[in-house]
Protein backbone atom coordinates (compact mmCIF):
# COMPACT_ATOMS: atom_id res chain seq x y z
CA MET A 1 -3.78 -4.81 -11.25
CA ARG A 2 -3.35 -1.91 -8.85
CA TYR A 3 -3.79 -2.44 -5.12
CA VAL A 4 -3.99 0.33 -2.54
CA VAL A 5 -3.35 -0.53 1.12
CA PHE A 6 -5.52 1.90 3.04
CA ASN A 7 -6.24 2.65 6.67
CA ARG A 8 -6.47 6.03 8.37
CA LYS A 9 -4.91 4.55 11.51
CA GLY A 10 -1.14 4.38 11.90
CA GLY A 11 0.77 1.31 13.01
CA VAL A 12 -1.55 -1.24 11.42
CA GLY A 13 1.05 -2.73 9.08
CA LYS A 14 0.29 -0.94 5.81
CA SER A 15 3.93 -0.76 4.72
CA THR A 16 4.65 -4.33 5.84
CA ILE A 17 1.66 -5.65 3.89
CA THR A 18 2.46 -3.52 0.84
CA CYS A 19 6.11 -4.55 0.58
CA ASN A 20 5.64 -8.22 1.40
CA LEU A 21 2.80 -8.68 -1.08
CA ALA A 22 4.91 -6.90 -3.69
CA ALA A 23 7.85 -9.21 -2.96
CA VAL A 24 5.66 -12.31 -3.19
CA ALA A 25 4.16 -11.13 -6.48
CA ALA A 26 7.68 -10.62 -7.85
CA GLU A 27 8.68 -14.05 -6.55
CA ASP A 28 5.71 -15.31 -8.57
CA GLY A 29 7.35 -13.91 -11.72
CA ALA A 30 5.48 -10.60 -11.97
CA ARG A 31 7.00 -7.20 -12.65
CA VAL A 32 5.94 -5.08 -9.68
CA LEU A 33 5.87 -1.40 -8.75
CA VAL A 34 5.53 -0.08 -5.18
CA VAL A 35 4.28 3.48 -4.72
CA ASP A 36 5.12 5.15 -1.40
CA LEU A 37 2.75 8.07 -0.85
CA ASP A 38 3.44 8.39 2.88
CA PRO A 39 5.78 11.31 3.72
CA GLN A 40 7.17 9.13 6.54
CA GLY A 41 8.57 6.89 3.81
CA ASN A 42 8.34 3.55 5.62
CA ALA A 43 7.98 1.54 2.42
CA THR A 44 10.87 3.46 0.86
CA GLN A 45 13.12 2.63 3.82
CA TYR A 46 11.90 -0.98 3.93
CA LEU A 47 12.78 -1.64 0.30
CA SER A 48 15.89 0.53 -0.09
CA GLY A 49 17.37 1.27 3.32
CA ARG A 50 17.35 4.97 2.44
CA GLN A 51 15.49 7.82 4.10
CA PRO A 52 12.57 9.57 2.37
CA GLY A 53 13.97 12.22 0.03
CA GLU A 54 17.34 10.54 -0.44
CA ILE A 55 16.21 8.80 -3.62
CA GLU A 56 15.76 11.15 -6.57
CA PRO A 57 13.74 11.74 -8.60
CA ASN A 58 10.92 10.93 -6.21
CA LEU A 59 7.19 11.55 -5.87
CA HIS A 60 7.70 15.02 -4.46
CA GLY A 61 9.46 15.93 -7.68
CA TYR A 62 6.71 14.38 -9.78
CA PHE A 63 3.86 16.20 -8.05
CA ASP A 64 5.83 19.44 -7.97
CA GLU A 65 6.25 19.28 -11.74
CA THR A 66 2.47 19.05 -12.16
CA LEU A 67 2.01 22.45 -10.50
CA GLY A 68 3.56 24.55 -13.24
CA PHE A 69 4.26 24.71 -16.94
CA ARG A 70 7.65 23.31 -17.92
CA LEU A 71 9.25 23.02 -21.35
CA SER A 72 10.73 19.69 -20.34
CA ARG A 73 9.61 17.21 -17.71
CA THR A 74 11.33 14.29 -16.07
CA PRO A 75 10.55 11.10 -18.03
CA PRO A 76 8.02 9.04 -16.04
CA SER A 77 10.25 5.96 -16.10
CA SER A 78 12.96 7.91 -14.25
CA PHE A 79 10.81 8.01 -11.12
CA ALA A 80 10.83 4.18 -10.84
CA HIS A 81 13.91 2.88 -9.00
CA ALA A 82 15.23 -0.64 -8.48
CA THR A 83 15.01 -2.02 -4.94
CA SER A 84 16.62 -4.75 -2.86
CA VAL A 85 13.99 -7.17 -4.19
CA ASP A 86 14.42 -8.53 -7.71
CA GLY A 87 11.47 -7.57 -9.89
CA VAL A 88 10.24 -4.78 -7.58
CA HIS A 89 10.62 -1.11 -8.47
CA LEU A 90 9.78 1.86 -6.27
CA LEU A 91 8.26 5.32 -6.62
CA ALA A 92 9.95 6.77 -3.56
CA ALA A 93 8.53 9.06 -0.92
CA ALA A 94 9.90 12.35 0.34
CA SER A 95 9.07 14.10 3.60
CA GLU A 96 8.33 17.28 1.63
CA LEU A 97 5.22 15.64 0.17
CA SER A 98 3.21 16.97 3.10
CA GLU A 99 4.22 20.55 2.23
CA LEU A 100 2.87 20.13 -1.31
CA GLN A 101 -0.52 18.86 -0.26
CA PRO A 102 -2.36 22.24 0.06
CA LYS A 103 -1.10 23.36 -3.35
CA LEU A 104 -2.08 20.08 -5.00
CA GLU A 105 -5.55 20.23 -3.47
CA SER A 106 -6.16 23.82 -4.53
CA ARG A 107 -5.03 23.08 -8.09
CA HIS A 108 -7.21 19.96 -8.39
CA LYS A 109 -4.34 17.55 -9.10
CA ILE A 110 -6.19 14.56 -7.63
CA TYR A 111 -5.92 12.51 -10.86
CA LYS A 112 -2.18 13.00 -11.43
CA LEU A 113 -1.11 9.76 -9.75
CA ARG A 114 -3.47 7.82 -11.98
CA ASP A 115 -2.04 9.62 -15.00
CA LEU A 116 1.49 8.60 -14.00
CA LEU A 117 0.54 4.96 -13.46
CA ASP A 118 -1.29 4.90 -16.78
CA VAL A 119 2.01 5.80 -18.43
CA LEU A 120 4.03 3.32 -16.34
CA ASN A 121 1.93 0.50 -17.73
CA SER A 122 4.63 -2.15 -18.14
CA TYR A 123 4.13 -3.45 -14.59
CA ASP A 124 1.94 -6.45 -13.93
CA HIS A 125 0.98 -5.26 -10.45
CA VAL A 126 1.18 -2.00 -8.52
CA PHE A 127 1.00 -1.78 -4.71
CA ILE A 128 0.38 1.64 -3.17
CA ASP A 129 1.26 2.47 0.43
CA THR A 130 -0.74 5.37 1.88
CA PRO A 131 -0.46 7.82 4.79
CA PRO A 132 -2.48 7.20 7.98
CA ALA A 133 -5.15 9.75 7.03
CA VAL A 134 -7.85 10.46 4.50
CA ASN A 135 -6.14 13.23 2.57
CA PHE A 136 -5.11 14.24 -0.94
CA PHE A 137 -2.59 11.42 -1.31
CA THR A 138 -4.89 8.72 0.03
CA VAL A 139 -7.75 9.77 -2.22
CA SER A 140 -5.33 9.98 -5.17
CA ALA A 141 -4.33 6.37 -4.45
CA LEU A 142 -7.95 5.20 -4.27
CA ILE A 143 -8.70 6.95 -7.56
CA ALA A 144 -5.68 5.28 -9.20
CA SER A 145 -6.41 1.74 -7.97
CA HIS A 146 -8.55 -1.27 -8.80
CA ARG A 147 -8.58 -3.04 -5.43
CA CYS A 148 -8.45 -1.67 -1.89
CA LEU A 149 -6.91 -3.78 0.87
CA ILE A 150 -7.73 -2.69 4.43
CA PRO A 151 -5.39 -3.85 7.22
CA PHE A 152 -7.24 -4.78 10.41
CA ASP A 153 -5.63 -4.84 13.82
CA CYS A 154 -7.62 -7.08 16.09
CA ASP A 155 -9.05 -4.53 18.50
CA GLU A 156 -12.42 -2.89 19.04
CA PHE A 157 -11.21 0.54 17.90
CA SER A 158 -10.17 -0.90 14.53
CA ARG A 159 -13.52 -2.66 14.20
CA ARG A 160 -15.47 0.57 14.67
CA ALA A 161 -13.16 2.47 12.31
CA LEU A 162 -13.51 -0.18 9.60
CA TYR A 163 -17.00 0.94 8.62
CA ARG A 164 -15.86 4.54 8.13
CA LEU A 165 -13.08 3.28 5.87
CA LEU A 166 -15.57 1.31 3.79
CA ASP A 167 -17.74 4.43 3.48
CA THR A 168 -14.72 6.36 2.16
CA VAL A 169 -14.04 3.67 -0.44
CA ARG A 170 -17.68 3.71 -1.56
CA GLU A 171 -17.66 7.49 -1.84
CA VAL A 172 -14.50 7.53 -3.98
CA ARG A 173 -15.95 4.78 -6.17
CA GLU A 174 -19.19 6.72 -6.72
CA ASP A 175 -17.54 10.11 -7.32
CA HIS A 176 -14.22 9.32 -9.02
CA ASN A 177 -13.40 5.69 -9.76
CA PRO A 178 -16.16 3.22 -10.63
CA LYS A 179 -13.52 0.49 -11.11
CA LEU A 180 -12.52 0.57 -7.44
CA GLU A 181 -13.51 -2.47 -5.39
CA VAL A 182 -12.82 -3.61 -1.84
CA GLY A 183 -10.29 -6.39 -2.32
CA GLY A 184 -10.66 -7.47 1.28
CA VAL A 185 -9.85 -6.94 4.93
CA VAL A 186 -6.33 -8.14 5.79
CA VAL A 187 -6.22 -9.39 9.38
CA ASN A 188 -2.82 -8.47 10.79
CA GLN A 189 -0.99 -9.30 14.03
CA PHE A 190 -3.45 -12.12 14.69
CA ASP A 191 -2.87 -14.07 17.91
CA ALA A 192 -4.83 -17.31 17.84
CA ARG A 193 -4.12 -17.89 21.54
CA ALA A 194 -6.14 -14.82 22.61
CA ASN A 195 -9.92 -14.80 22.66
CA LEU A 196 -10.61 -11.24 21.48
CA PRO A 197 -8.95 -11.40 18.03
CA GLY A 198 -10.89 -14.53 17.06
CA GLN A 199 -14.12 -13.05 18.36
CA LEU A 200 -13.69 -9.78 16.44
CA VAL A 201 -12.79 -11.50 13.18
CA ALA A 202 -15.74 -13.88 13.53
CA GLU A 203 -18.07 -10.89 13.99
CA LEU A 204 -16.72 -9.25 10.83
CA GLU A 205 -17.32 -12.44 8.87
CA GLU A 206 -20.83 -12.82 10.28
CA GLU A 207 -21.59 -9.28 9.14
CA GLY A 208 -20.60 -10.25 5.59
CA LEU A 209 -17.38 -8.25 5.35
CA PRO A 210 -14.77 -9.62 2.90
CA VAL A 211 -12.23 -10.90 5.41
CA LEU A 212 -9.25 -12.48 3.65
CA SER A 213 -7.45 -15.57 4.77
CA PRO A 214 -5.06 -16.60 6.05
CA TYR A 215 -4.79 -14.17 8.93
CA LEU A 216 -1.27 -12.76 9.31
CA GLY A 217 0.32 -13.82 12.56
CA ALA A 218 2.22 -11.65 15.01
CA THR A 219 6.01 -12.00 14.96
CA VAL A 220 9.01 -9.90 16.01
CA LYS A 221 10.72 -11.11 12.84
CA VAL A 222 8.82 -8.48 10.87
CA ARG A 223 10.61 -5.78 12.84
CA GLU A 224 13.93 -7.50 12.19
CA SER A 225 13.17 -7.59 8.47
CA HIS A 226 12.57 -3.83 8.55
CA GLN A 227 15.99 -3.33 10.13
CA GLN A 228 17.55 -5.48 7.39
CA HIS A 229 15.65 -3.55 4.69
CA GLN A 230 14.18 -6.73 3.27
CA PRO A 231 10.58 -7.91 3.25
CA LEU A 232 10.04 -10.84 5.57
CA VAL A 233 9.39 -13.14 2.62
CA THR A 234 12.94 -12.56 1.33
CA TYR A 235 14.60 -12.15 4.73
CA LEU A 236 13.12 -15.37 6.15
CA PRO A 237 11.46 -17.11 3.19
CA ARG A 238 10.49 -20.21 5.17
CA HIS A 239 8.95 -18.37 8.11
CA LYS A 240 5.31 -19.17 8.90
CA VAL A 241 4.17 -15.60 8.27
CA SER A 242 6.10 -15.52 4.98
CA GLU A 243 4.06 -18.49 3.83
CA GLN A 244 0.89 -16.73 5.00
CA PHE A 245 1.77 -13.82 2.73
CA ARG A 246 2.24 -16.24 -0.17
CA VAL A 247 -1.14 -17.88 0.38
CA LEU A 248 -2.78 -14.46 0.78
CA TRP A 249 -1.25 -13.27 -2.50
CA ARG A 250 -2.34 -16.37 -4.39
CA GLY A 251 -5.91 -15.74 -3.25
CA LEU A 252 -5.76 -12.12 -4.40
CA ARG A 253 -4.16 -13.05 -7.70
CA ASP A 254 -6.70 -15.72 -8.47
CA ALA A 255 -9.63 -13.48 -7.48
CA SER A 256 -8.57 -10.88 -10.04
């Protein structure tokens, strides 16, 4: 199963959700691949401690190879690198990805990520981290995926933006990928002591949106886990939010 974590807003926890769900799936015994399509490379740094572009071959190299004829190409398996988490491999980001985007768009390479993942078919689950925009790389990820997970920060801006995100998913499904489904809205940084988060989430549920549970709580330990280059679930396996990730993953796994 391929999951894309998608939101056009930055700072909503896409990389944290991507890497922690991947780590929990691996903990569950699965063979997992993380794809970092964001030129900022947060997932790459989270899982490896290395800056985007320092790991080679990376996704910049893969997409660059699709732009011209070559007698020999890098074997697809060479792009997948081991990480600090047992059972999790990584297709690493590079900051130069943003420079390639106009060329990839003009040459209609929107299906190339799906082609690569079709070849790398030995993984049980794939988790794709996306840039905070609707662009070539985000659409490529939606085309390549089966389930879309949408992080939701508990504020009114995020609530209004959520419907535009759902429209984008529907459009990609109709035009490019009929297998794509909304896997659910992942409530992040939820503070049960404040009134507004509970009110907003309740409104989403009343409107029939697929809000997943449990809601992920707010904790500074996530930031510490980033600094240690370990997902929270491996850095502090008994933390409350680590267990929330495990319950969330079990729900996703069983729903598929």
